[in-house]
Amino acid sequence: DLFLNPETATEITLQPVKRFKTSAAIIFSDILMVPYGLGQELS
C-alpha cells in the first residue's frame, strides 16, 4: 500500500531529505517490485 500509492511513496521519499538535507533522494520502493511487475504474488 505504501509502495503503490504515488502520493504516499513521494511523501516518504522526501522525509529524510527534509530532515537531514541529504544530497539525494532515493525513491521509496523495493527491489521486489520487479517480480511483482512480472506477476509473481508478493506480500
ModelCIF file with pLDDT and N, C-alpha, C, O atoms, coordinates in Angstrom:
data_MODEL
#
_entry.id   MODEL 
#
_entity.id                         1 
_entity.type                       polymer 
_entity.pdbx_number_of_molecules   1 
#
_entity_poly.entity_id                      1 
_entity_poly.type                           'polypeptide(L)' 
_entity_poly.nstd_linkage                   no 
_entity_poly.nstd_monomer                   no 
_entity_poly.pdbx_seq_one_letter_code       DLFLNPETATEITLQPVKRFKTSAAIIFSDILMVPYGLGQELS 
_entity_poly.pdbx_seq_one_letter_code_can   DLFLNPETATEITLQPVKRFKTSAAIIFSDILMVPYGLGQELS 
_entity_poly.pdbx_strand_id                 A 
#
loop_
_entity_poly_seq.entity_id 
_entity_poly_seq.num 
_entity_poly_seq.mon_id 
_entity_poly_seq.hetero 
1 1  ASP n 
1 2  LEU n 
1 3  PHE n 
1 4  LEU n 
1 5  ASN n 
1 6  PRO n 
1 7  GLU n 
1 8  THR n 
1 9  ALA n 
1 10 THR n 
1 11 GLU n 
1 12 ILE n 
1 13 THR n 
1 14 LEU n 
1 15 GLN n 
1 16 PRO n 
1 17 VAL n 
1 18 LYS n 
1 19 ARG n 
1 20 PHE n 
1 21 LYS n 
1 22 THR n 
1 23 SER n 
1 24 ALA n 
1 25 ALA n 
1 26 ILE n 
1 27 ILE n 
1 28 PHE n 
1 29 SER n 
1 30 ASP n 
1 31 ILE n 
1 32 LEU n 
1 33 MET n 
1 34 VAL n 
1 35 PRO n 
1 36 TYR n 
1 37 GLY n 
1 38 LEU n 
1 39 GLY n 
1 40 GLN n 
1 41 GLU n 
1 42 LEU n 
1 43 SER n 
#
_struct_asym.id          A 
_struct_asym.entity_id   1 
#
loop_
_ma_qa_metric.id 
_ma_qa_metric.mode 
_ma_qa_metric.name 
_ma_qa_metric.software_group_id 
_ma_qa_metric.type 
1 global pLDDT . pLDDT 
2 local  pLDDT . pLDDT 
#
_ma_qa_metric_global.metric_id      1 
_ma_qa_metric_global.metric_value   97.33 
_ma_qa_metric_global.model_id       1 
_ma_qa_metric_global.ordinal_id     1 
#
loop_
_ma_qa_metric_local.label_asym_id 
_ma_qa_metric_local.label_comp_id 
_ma_qa_metric_local.label_seq_id 
_ma_qa_metric_local.metric_id 
_ma_qa_metric_local.metric_value 
_ma_qa_metric_local.model_id 
_ma_qa_metric_local.ordinal_id 
A ASP 1  2 93.00 1 1  
A LEU 2  2 96.00 1 2  
A PHE 3  2 97.00 1 3  
A LEU 4  2 97.00 1 4  
A ASN 5  2 97.00 1 5  
A PRO 6  2 98.00 1 6  
A GLU 7  2 98.00 1 7  
A THR 8  2 97.00 1 8  
A ALA 9  2 98.00 1 9  
A THR 10 2 98.00 1 10 
A GLU 11 2 98.00 1 11 
A ILE 12 2 98.00 1 12 
A THR 13 2 98.00 1 13 
A LEU 14 2 98.00 1 14 
A GLN 15 2 98.00 1 15 
A PRO 16 2 98.00 1 16 
A VAL 17 2 98.00 1 17 
A LYS 18 2 98.00 1 18 
A ARG 19 2 98.00 1 19 
A PHE 20 2 98.00 1 20 
A LYS 21 2 97.00 1 21 
A THR 22 2 98.00 1 22 
A SER 23 2 98.00 1 23 
A ALA 24 2 98.00 1 24 
A ALA 25 2 98.00 1 25 
A ILE 26 2 98.00 1 26 
A ILE 27 2 98.00 1 27 
A PHE 28 2 98.00 1 28 
A SER 29 2 98.00 1 29 
A ASP 30 2 97.00 1 30 
A ILE 31 2 98.00 1 31 
A LEU 32 2 98.00 1 32 
A MET 33 2 98.00 1 33 
A VAL 34 2 98.00 1 34 
A PRO 35 2 97.00 1 35 
A TYR 36 2 98.00 1 36 
A GLY 37 2 98.00 1 37 
A LEU 38 2 97.00 1 38 
A GLY 39 2 96.00 1 39 
A GLN 40 2 96.00 1 40 
A GLU 41 2 95.00 1 41 
A LEU 42 2 96.00 1 42 
A SER 43 2 93.00 1 43 
#
loop_
_atom_site.group_PDB 
_atom_site.id 
_atom_site.type_symbol 
_atom_site.label_atom_id 
_atom_site.label_alt_id 
_atom_site.label_comp_id 
_atom_site.label_asym_id 
_atom_site.label_entity_id 
_atom_site.label_seq_id 
_atom_site.pdbx_PDB_ins_code 
_atom_site.Cartn_x 
_atom_site.Cartn_y 
_atom_site.Cartn_z 
_atom_site.occupancy 
_atom_site.B_iso_or_equiv 
_atom_site.pdbx_formal_charge 
_atom_site.auth_seq_id 
_atom_site.auth_comp_id 
_atom_site.auth_asym_id 
_atom_site.auth_atom_id 
_atom_site.pdbx_PDB_model_num 
ATOM 1   N N  . ASP A 1 1  ? 0.832  -1.212  0.000   1.00 93.00 ? 1  ASP A N  1 
ATOM 2   C CA . ASP A 1 1  ? 0.000  0.000   0.000   1.00 93.00 ? 1  ASP A CA 1 
ATOM 3   C C  . ASP A 1 1  ? 0.865  1.261   0.000   1.00 93.00 ? 1  ASP A C  1 
ATOM 4   O O  . ASP A 1 1  ? 0.469  2.299   -0.530  1.00 93.00 ? 1  ASP A O  1 
ATOM 5   N N  . LEU A 1 2  ? 2.042  1.157   0.597   1.00 96.00 ? 2  LEU A N  1 
ATOM 6   C CA . LEU A 1 2  ? 2.956  2.299   0.618   1.00 96.00 ? 2  LEU A CA 1 
ATOM 7   C C  . LEU A 1 2  ? 3.677  2.446   -0.716  1.00 96.00 ? 2  LEU A C  1 
ATOM 8   O O  . LEU A 1 2  ? 3.764  3.546   -1.262  1.00 96.00 ? 2  LEU A O  1 
ATOM 9   N N  . PHE A 1 3  ? 4.197  1.330   -1.244  1.00 97.00 ? 3  PHE A N  1 
ATOM 10  C CA . PHE A 1 3  ? 4.959  1.376   -2.485  1.00 97.00 ? 3  PHE A CA 1 
ATOM 11  C C  . PHE A 1 3  ? 4.095  1.769   -3.677  1.00 97.00 ? 3  PHE A C  1 
ATOM 12  O O  . PHE A 1 3  ? 4.573  2.427   -4.601  1.00 97.00 ? 3  PHE A O  1 
ATOM 13  N N  . LEU A 1 4  ? 2.825  1.369   -3.662  1.00 97.00 ? 4  LEU A N  1 
ATOM 14  C CA . LEU A 1 4  ? 1.978  1.537   -4.839  1.00 97.00 ? 4  LEU A CA 1 
ATOM 15  C C  . LEU A 1 4  ? 1.014  2.709   -4.738  1.00 97.00 ? 4  LEU A C  1 
ATOM 16  O O  . LEU A 1 4  ? 0.068  2.807   -5.519  1.00 97.00 ? 4  LEU A O  1 
ATOM 17  N N  . ASN A 1 5  ? 1.248  3.596   -3.782  1.00 97.00 ? 5  ASN A N  1 
ATOM 18  C CA . ASN A 1 5  ? 0.494  4.843   -3.695  1.00 97.00 ? 5  ASN A CA 1 
ATOM 19  C C  . ASN A 1 5  ? 1.474  5.982   -3.989  1.00 97.00 ? 5  ASN A C  1 
ATOM 20  O O  . ASN A 1 5  ? 2.297  6.307   -3.134  1.00 97.00 ? 5  ASN A O  1 
ATOM 21  N N  . PRO A 1 6  ? 1.408  6.591   -5.163  1.00 98.00 ? 6  PRO A N  1 
ATOM 22  C CA . PRO A 1 6  ? 2.403  7.598   -5.544  1.00 98.00 ? 6  PRO A CA 1 
ATOM 23  C C  . PRO A 1 6  ? 2.532  8.754   -4.557  1.00 98.00 ? 6  PRO A C  1 
ATOM 24  O O  . PRO A 1 6  ? 3.639  9.205   -4.262  1.00 98.00 ? 6  PRO A O  1 
ATOM 25  N N  . GLU A 1 7  ? 1.396  9.232   -4.047  1.00 98.00 ? 7  GLU A N  1 
ATOM 26  C CA . GLU A 1 7  ? 1.438  10.349  -3.097  1.00 98.00 ? 7  GLU A CA 1 
ATOM 27  C C  . GLU A 1 7  ? 2.158  9.943   -1.813  1.00 98.00 ? 7  GLU A C  1 
ATOM 28  O O  . GLU A 1 7  ? 2.982  10.694  -1.291  1.00 98.00 ? 7  GLU A O  1 
ATOM 29  N N  . THR A 1 8  ? 1.843  8.754   -1.311  1.00 97.00 ? 8  THR A N  1 
ATOM 30  C CA . THR A 1 8  ? 2.462  8.278   -0.077  1.00 97.00 ? 8  THR A CA 1 
ATOM 31  C C  . THR A 1 8  ? 3.941  7.994   -0.290  1.00 97.00 ? 8  THR A C  1 
ATOM 32  O O  . THR A 1 8  ? 4.772  8.385   0.530   1.00 97.00 ? 8  THR A O  1 
ATOM 33  N N  . ALA A 1 9  ? 4.278  7.317   -1.386  1.00 98.00 ? 9  ALA A N  1 
ATOM 34  C CA . ALA A 1 9  ? 5.680  6.996   -1.675  1.00 98.00 ? 9  ALA A CA 1 
ATOM 35  C C  . ALA A 1 9  ? 6.504  8.269   -1.833  1.00 98.00 ? 9  ALA A C  1 
ATOM 36  O O  . ALA A 1 9  ? 7.655  8.331   -1.400  1.00 98.00 ? 9  ALA A O  1 
ATOM 37  N N  . THR A 1 10 ? 5.912  9.277   -2.451  1.00 98.00 ? 10 THR A N  1 
ATOM 38  C CA . THR A 1 10 ? 6.601  10.567  -2.604  1.00 98.00 ? 10 THR A CA 1 
ATOM 39  C C  . THR A 1 10 ? 6.851  11.213  -1.247  1.00 98.00 ? 10 THR A C  1 
ATOM 40  O O  . THR A 1 10 ? 7.954  11.683  -0.971  1.00 98.00 ? 10 THR A O  1 
ATOM 41  N N  . GLU A 1 11 ? 5.833  11.234  -0.412  1.00 98.00 ? 11 GLU A N  1 
ATOM 42  C CA . GLU A 1 11 ? 5.979  11.828  0.919   1.00 98.00 ? 11 GLU A CA 1 
ATOM 43  C C  . GLU A 1 11 ? 7.076  11.139  1.717   1.00 98.00 ? 11 GLU A C  1 
ATOM 44  O O  . GLU A 1 11 ? 7.895  11.799  2.357   1.00 98.00 ? 11 GLU A O  1 
ATOM 45  N N  . ILE A 1 12 ? 7.092  9.805   1.678   1.00 98.00 ? 12 ILE A N  1 
ATOM 46  C CA . ILE A 1 12 ? 8.107  9.052   2.435   1.00 98.00 ? 12 ILE A CA 1 
ATOM 47  C C  . ILE A 1 12 ? 9.501  9.291   1.854   1.00 98.00 ? 12 ILE A C  1 
ATOM 48  O O  . ILE A 1 12 ? 10.472 9.415   2.601   1.00 98.00 ? 12 ILE A O  1 
ATOM 49  N N  . THR A 1 13 ? 9.602  9.354   0.533   1.00 98.00 ? 13 THR A N  1 
ATOM 50  C CA . THR A 1 13 ? 10.891 9.618   -0.118  1.00 98.00 ? 13 THR A CA 1 
ATOM 51  C C  . THR A 1 13 ? 11.479 10.946  0.338   1.00 98.00 ? 13 THR A C  1 
ATOM 52  O O  . THR A 1 13 ? 12.688 11.070  0.532   1.00 98.00 ? 13 THR A O  1 
ATOM 53  N N  . LEU A 1 14 ? 10.607 11.934  0.506   1.00 98.00 ? 14 LEU A N  1 
ATOM 54  C CA . LEU A 1 14 ? 11.069 13.287  0.840   1.00 98.00 ? 14 LEU A CA 1 
ATOM 55  C C  . LEU A 1 14 ? 11.376 13.478  2.328   1.00 98.00 ? 14 LEU A C  1 
ATOM 56  O O  . LEU A 1 14 ? 12.056 14.438  2.692   1.00 98.00 ? 14 LEU A O  1 
ATOM 57  N N  . GLN A 1 15 ? 10.893 12.592  3.187   1.00 98.00 ? 15 GLN A N  1 
ATOM 58  C CA . GLN A 1 15 ? 11.071 12.774  4.636   1.00 98.00 ? 15 GLN A CA 1 
ATOM 59  C C  . GLN A 1 15 ? 12.533 12.926  5.060   1.00 98.00 ? 15 GLN A C  1 
ATOM 60  O O  . GLN A 1 15 ? 12.850 13.886  5.763   1.00 98.00 ? 15 GLN A O  1 
ATOM 61  N N  . PRO A 1 16 ? 13.436 12.028  4.669   1.00 98.00 ? 16 PRO A N  1 
ATOM 62  C CA . PRO A 1 16 ? 14.831 12.197  5.097   1.00 98.00 ? 16 PRO A CA 1 
ATOM 63  C C  . PRO A 1 16 ? 15.525 13.380  4.443   1.00 98.00 ? 16 PRO A C  1 
ATOM 64  O O  . PRO A 1 16 ? 16.453 13.953  5.014   1.00 98.00 ? 16 PRO A O  1 
ATOM 65  N N  . VAL A 1 17 ? 15.074 13.749  3.239   1.00 98.00 ? 17 VAL A N  1 
ATOM 66  C CA . VAL A 1 17 ? 15.648 14.914  2.568   1.00 98.00 ? 17 VAL A CA 1 
ATOM 67  C C  . VAL A 1 17 ? 15.329 16.168  3.369   1.00 98.00 ? 17 VAL A C  1 
ATOM 68  O O  . VAL A 1 17 ? 16.193 17.022  3.573   1.00 98.00 ? 17 VAL A O  1 
ATOM 69  N N  . LYS A 1 18 ? 14.087 16.274  3.820   1.00 98.00 ? 18 LYS A N  1 
ATOM 70  C CA . LYS A 1 18 ? 13.677 17.439  4.614   1.00 98.00 ? 18 LYS A CA 1 
ATOM 71  C C  . LYS A 1 18 ? 14.383 17.462  5.970   1.00 98.00 ? 18 LYS A C  1 
ATOM 72  O O  . LYS A 1 18 ? 14.796 18.519  6.446   1.00 98.00 ? 18 LYS A O  1 
ATOM 73  N N  . ARG A 1 19 ? 14.514 16.298  6.579   1.00 98.00 ? 19 ARG A N  1 
ATOM 74  C CA . ARG A 1 19 ? 15.075 16.241  7.928   1.00 98.00 ? 19 ARG A CA 1 
ATOM 75  C C  . ARG A 1 19 ? 16.598 16.405  7.925   1.00 98.00 ? 19 ARG A C  1 
ATOM 76  O O  . ARG A 1 19 ? 17.146 17.127  8.758   1.00 98.00 ? 19 ARG A O  1 
ATOM 77  N N  . PHE A 1 20 ? 17.290 15.725  6.976   1.00 98.00 ? 20 PHE A N  1 
ATOM 78  C CA . PHE A 1 20 ? 18.751 15.663  7.024   1.00 98.00 ? 20 PHE A CA 1 
ATOM 79  C C  . PHE A 1 20 ? 19.446 16.454  5.925   1.00 98.00 ? 20 PHE A C  1 
ATOM 80  O O  . PHE A 1 20 ? 20.675 16.532  5.906   1.00 98.00 ? 20 PHE A O  1 
ATOM 81  N N  . LYS A 1 21 ? 18.679 17.042  5.008   1.00 97.00 ? 21 LYS A N  1 
ATOM 82  C CA . LYS A 1 21 ? 19.259 17.799  3.891   1.00 97.00 ? 21 LYS A CA 1 
ATOM 83  C C  . LYS A 1 21 ? 20.250 16.947  3.100   1.00 97.00 ? 21 LYS A C  1 
ATOM 84  O O  . LYS A 1 21 ? 21.339 17.410  2.762   1.00 97.00 ? 21 LYS A O  1 
ATOM 85  N N  . THR A 1 22 ? 19.873 15.709  2.808   1.00 98.00 ? 22 THR A N  1 
ATOM 86  C CA . THR A 1 22 ? 20.732 14.828  2.050   1.00 98.00 ? 22 THR A CA 1 
ATOM 87  C C  . THR A 1 22 ? 20.947 15.362  0.635   1.00 98.00 ? 22 THR A C  1 
ATOM 88  O O  . THR A 1 22 ? 20.134 16.133  0.124   1.00 98.00 ? 22 THR A O  1 
ATOM 89  N N  . SER A 1 23 ? 22.042 14.947  0.012   1.00 98.00 ? 23 SER A N  1 
ATOM 90  C CA . SER A 1 23 ? 22.362 15.414  -1.339  1.00 98.00 ? 23 SER A CA 1 
ATOM 91  C C  . SER A 1 23 ? 21.500 14.746  -2.392  1.00 98.00 ? 23 SER A C  1 
ATOM 92  O O  . SER A 1 23 ? 21.433 15.202  -3.534  1.00 98.00 ? 23 SER A O  1 
ATOM 93  N N  . ALA A 1 24 ? 20.835 13.653  -2.001  1.00 98.00 ? 24 ALA A N  1 
ATOM 94  C CA . ALA A 1 24 ? 19.975 12.937  -2.949  1.00 98.00 ? 24 ALA A CA 1 
ATOM 95  C C  . ALA A 1 24 ? 18.811 12.292  -2.217  1.00 98.00 ? 24 ALA A C  1 
ATOM 96  O O  . ALA A 1 24 ? 18.888 11.963  -1.033  1.00 98.00 ? 24 ALA A O  1 
ATOM 97  N N  . ALA A 1 25 ? 17.738 12.125  -2.964  1.00 98.00 ? 25 ALA A N  1 
ATOM 98  C CA . ALA A 1 25 ? 16.611 11.306  -2.524  1.00 98.00 ? 25 ALA A CA 1 
ATOM 99  C C  . ALA A 1 25 ? 16.691 10.008  -3.304  1.00 98.00 ? 25 ALA A C  1 
ATOM 100 O O  . ALA A 1 25 ? 17.089 10.012  -4.469  1.00 98.00 ? 25 ALA A O  1 
ATOM 101 N N  . ILE A 1 26 ? 16.323 8.905   -2.687  1.00 98.00 ? 26 ILE A N  1 
ATOM 102 C CA . ILE A 1 26 ? 16.185 7.648   -3.412  1.00 98.00 ? 26 ILE A CA 1 
ATOM 103 C C  . ILE A 1 26 ? 14.731 7.222   -3.272  1.00 98.00 ? 26 ILE A C  1 
ATOM 104 O O  . ILE A 1 26 ? 14.181 7.201   -2.171  1.00 98.00 ? 26 ILE A O  1 
ATOM 105 N N  . ILE A 1 27 ? 14.130 6.891   -4.377  1.00 98.00 ? 27 ILE A N  1 
ATOM 106 C CA . ILE A 1 27 ? 12.695 6.654   -4.370  1.00 98.00 ? 27 ILE A CA 1 
ATOM 107 C C  . ILE A 1 27 ? 12.320 5.543   -3.393  1.00 98.00 ? 27 ILE A C  1 
ATOM 108 O O  . ILE A 1 27 ? 12.989 4.512   -3.328  1.00 98.00 ? 27 ILE A O  1 
ATOM 109 N N  . PHE A 1 28 ? 11.255 5.759   -2.641  1.00 98.00 ? 28 PHE A N  1 
ATOM 110 C CA . PHE A 1 28 ? 10.795 4.759   -1.682  1.00 98.00 ? 28 PHE A CA 1 
ATOM 111 C C  . PHE A 1 28 ? 10.066 3.660   -2.442  1.00 98.00 ? 28 PHE A C  1 
ATOM 112 O O  . PHE A 1 28 ? 8.920  3.821   -2.861  1.00 98.00 ? 28 PHE A O  1 
ATOM 113 N N  . SER A 1 29 ? 10.754 2.552   -2.606  1.00 98.00 ? 29 SER A N  1 
ATOM 114 C CA . SER A 1 29 ? 10.210 1.424   -3.347  1.00 98.00 ? 29 SER A CA 1 
ATOM 115 C C  . SER A 1 29 ? 10.907 0.171   -2.834  1.00 98.00 ? 29 SER A C  1 
ATOM 116 O O  . SER A 1 29 ? 11.410 0.169   -1.711  1.00 98.00 ? 29 SER A O  1 
ATOM 117 N N  . ASP A 1 30 ? 10.947 -0.888  -3.627  1.00 97.00 ? 30 ASP A N  1 
ATOM 118 C CA . ASP A 1 30 ? 11.559 -2.139  -3.188  1.00 97.00 ? 30 ASP A CA 1 
ATOM 119 C C  . ASP A 1 30 ? 12.063 -2.895  -4.405  1.00 97.00 ? 30 ASP A C  1 
ATOM 120 O O  . ASP A 1 30 ? 11.474 -2.801  -5.482  1.00 97.00 ? 30 ASP A O  1 
ATOM 121 N N  . ILE A 1 31 ? 13.153 -3.648  -4.242  1.00 98.00 ? 31 ILE A N  1 
ATOM 122 C CA . ILE A 1 31 ? 13.668 -4.415  -5.373  1.00 98.00 ? 31 ILE A CA 1 
ATOM 123 C C  . ILE A 1 31 ? 12.657 -5.466  -5.836  1.00 98.00 ? 31 ILE A C  1 
ATOM 124 O O  . ILE A 1 31 ? 12.697 -5.906  -6.985  1.00 98.00 ? 31 ILE A O  1 
ATOM 125 N N  . LEU A 1 32 ? 11.750 -5.866  -4.938  1.00 98.00 ? 32 LEU A N  1 
ATOM 126 C CA . LEU A 1 32 ? 10.777 -6.900  -5.291  1.00 98.00 ? 32 LEU A CA 1 
ATOM 127 C C  . LEU A 1 32 ? 9.606  -6.365  -6.104  1.00 98.00 ? 32 LEU A C  1 
ATOM 128 O O  . LEU A 1 32 ? 8.679  -7.109  -6.422  1.00 98.00 ? 32 LEU A O  1 
ATOM 129 N N  . MET A 1 33 ? 9.643  -5.094  -6.438  1.00 98.00 ? 33 MET A N  1 
ATOM 130 C CA . MET A 1 33 ? 8.678  -4.585  -7.410  1.00 98.00 ? 33 MET A CA 1 
ATOM 131 C C  . MET A 1 33 ? 8.887  -5.228  -8.777  1.00 98.00 ? 33 MET A C  1 
ATOM 132 O O  . MET A 1 33 ? 7.960  -5.286  -9.586  1.00 98.00 ? 33 MET A O  1 
ATOM 133 N N  . VAL A 1 34 ? 10.093 -5.708  -9.034  1.00 98.00 ? 34 VAL A N  1 
ATOM 134 C CA . VAL A 1 34 ? 10.355 -6.369  -10.325 1.00 98.00 ? 34 VAL A CA 1 
ATOM 135 C C  . VAL A 1 34 ? 9.585  -7.686  -10.446 1.00 98.00 ? 34 VAL A C  1 
ATOM 136 O O  . VAL A 1 34 ? 8.838  -7.853  -11.410 1.00 98.00 ? 34 VAL A O  1 
ATOM 137 N N  . PRO A 1 35 ? 9.737  -8.638  -9.498  1.00 97.00 ? 35 PRO A N  1 
ATOM 138 C CA . PRO A 1 35 ? 8.908  -9.847  -9.612  1.00 97.00 ? 35 PRO A CA 1 
ATOM 139 C C  . PRO A 1 35 ? 7.410  -9.558  -9.522  1.00 97.00 ? 35 PRO A C  1 
ATOM 140 O O  . PRO A 1 35 ? 6.605  -10.243 -10.153 1.00 97.00 ? 35 PRO A O  1 
ATOM 141 N N  . TYR A 1 36 ? 7.038  -8.546  -8.739  1.00 98.00 ? 36 TYR A N  1 
ATOM 142 C CA . TYR A 1 36 ? 5.624  -8.141  -8.680  1.00 98.00 ? 36 TYR A CA 1 
ATOM 143 C C  . TYR A 1 36 ? 5.149  -7.713  -10.065 1.00 98.00 ? 36 TYR A C  1 
ATOM 144 O O  . TYR A 1 36 ? 4.058  -8.086  -10.496 1.00 98.00 ? 36 TYR A O  1 
ATOM 145 N N  . GLY A 1 37 ? 5.966  -6.935  -10.756 1.00 98.00 ? 37 GLY A N  1 
ATOM 146 C CA . GLY A 1 37 ? 5.613  -6.483  -12.097 1.00 98.00 ? 37 GLY A CA 1 
ATOM 147 C C  . GLY A 1 37 ? 5.518  -7.619  -13.101 1.00 98.00 ? 37 GLY A C  1 
ATOM 148 O O  . GLY A 1 37 ? 4.816  -7.515  -14.107 1.00 98.00 ? 37 GLY A O  1 
ATOM 149 N N  . LEU A 1 38 ? 6.232  -8.710  -12.819 1.00 97.00 ? 38 LEU A N  1 
ATOM 150 C CA . LEU A 1 38 ? 6.178  -9.887  -13.687 1.00 97.00 ? 38 LEU A CA 1 
ATOM 151 C C  . LEU A 1 38 ? 4.990  -10.790 -13.375 1.00 97.00 ? 38 LEU A C  1 
ATOM 152 O O  . LEU A 1 38 ? 4.736  -11.768 -14.078 1.00 97.00 ? 38 LEU A O  1 
ATOM 153 N N  . GLY A 1 39 ? 4.267  -10.449 -12.310 1.00 96.00 ? 39 GLY A N  1 
ATOM 154 C CA . GLY A 1 39 ? 3.082  -11.222 -11.966 1.00 96.00 ? 39 GLY A CA 1 
ATOM 155 C C  . GLY A 1 39 ? 3.277  -12.228 -10.851 1.00 96.00 ? 39 GLY A C  1 
ATOM 156 O O  . GLY A 1 39 ? 2.383  -13.029 -10.578 1.00 96.00 ? 39 GLY A O  1 
ATOM 157 N N  . GLN A 1 40 ? 4.440  -12.200 -10.198 1.00 96.00 ? 40 GLN A N  1 
ATOM 158 C CA . GLN A 1 40 ? 4.651  -13.113 -9.076  1.00 96.00 ? 40 GLN A CA 1 
ATOM 159 C C  . GLN A 1 40 ? 3.982  -12.539 -7.827  1.00 96.00 ? 40 GLN A C  1 
ATOM 160 O O  . GLN A 1 40 ? 4.172  -11.369 -7.493  1.00 96.00 ? 40 GLN A O  1 
ATOM 161 N N  . GLU A 1 41 ? 3.208  -13.360 -7.151  1.00 95.00 ? 41 GLU A N  1 
ATOM 162 C CA . GLU A 1 41 ? 2.465  -12.893 -5.976  1.00 95.00 ? 41 GLU A CA 1 
ATOM 163 C C  . GLU A 1 41 ? 3.427  -12.471 -4.868  1.00 95.00 ? 41 GLU A C  1 
ATOM 164 O O  . GLU A 1 41 ? 4.328  -13.226 -4.504  1.00 95.00 ? 41 GLU A O  1 
ATOM 165 N N  . LEU A 1 42 ? 3.237  -11.264 -4.332  1.00 96.00 ? 42 LEU A N  1 
ATOM 166 C CA . LEU A 1 42 ? 4.136  -10.684 -3.334  1.00 96.00 ? 42 LEU A CA 1 
ATOM 167 C C  . LEU A 1 42 ? 3.343  -10.198 -2.130  1.00 96.00 ? 42 LEU A C  1 
ATOM 168 O O  . LEU A 1 42 ? 2.290  -9.577  -2.278  1.00 96.00 ? 42 LEU A O  1 
ATOM 169 N N  . SER A 1 43 ? 3.853  -10.483 -0.940  1.00 93.00 ? 43 SER A N  1 
ATOM 170 C CA . SER A 1 43 ? 3.251  -9.971  0.295   1.00 93.00 ? 43 SER A CA 1 
ATOM 171 C C  . SER A 1 43 ? 4.358  -9.668  1.287   1.00 93.00 ? 43 SER A C  1 
ATOM 172 O O  . SER A 1 43 ? 4.085  -9.224  2.402   1.00 93.00 ? 43 SER A O  1 
#
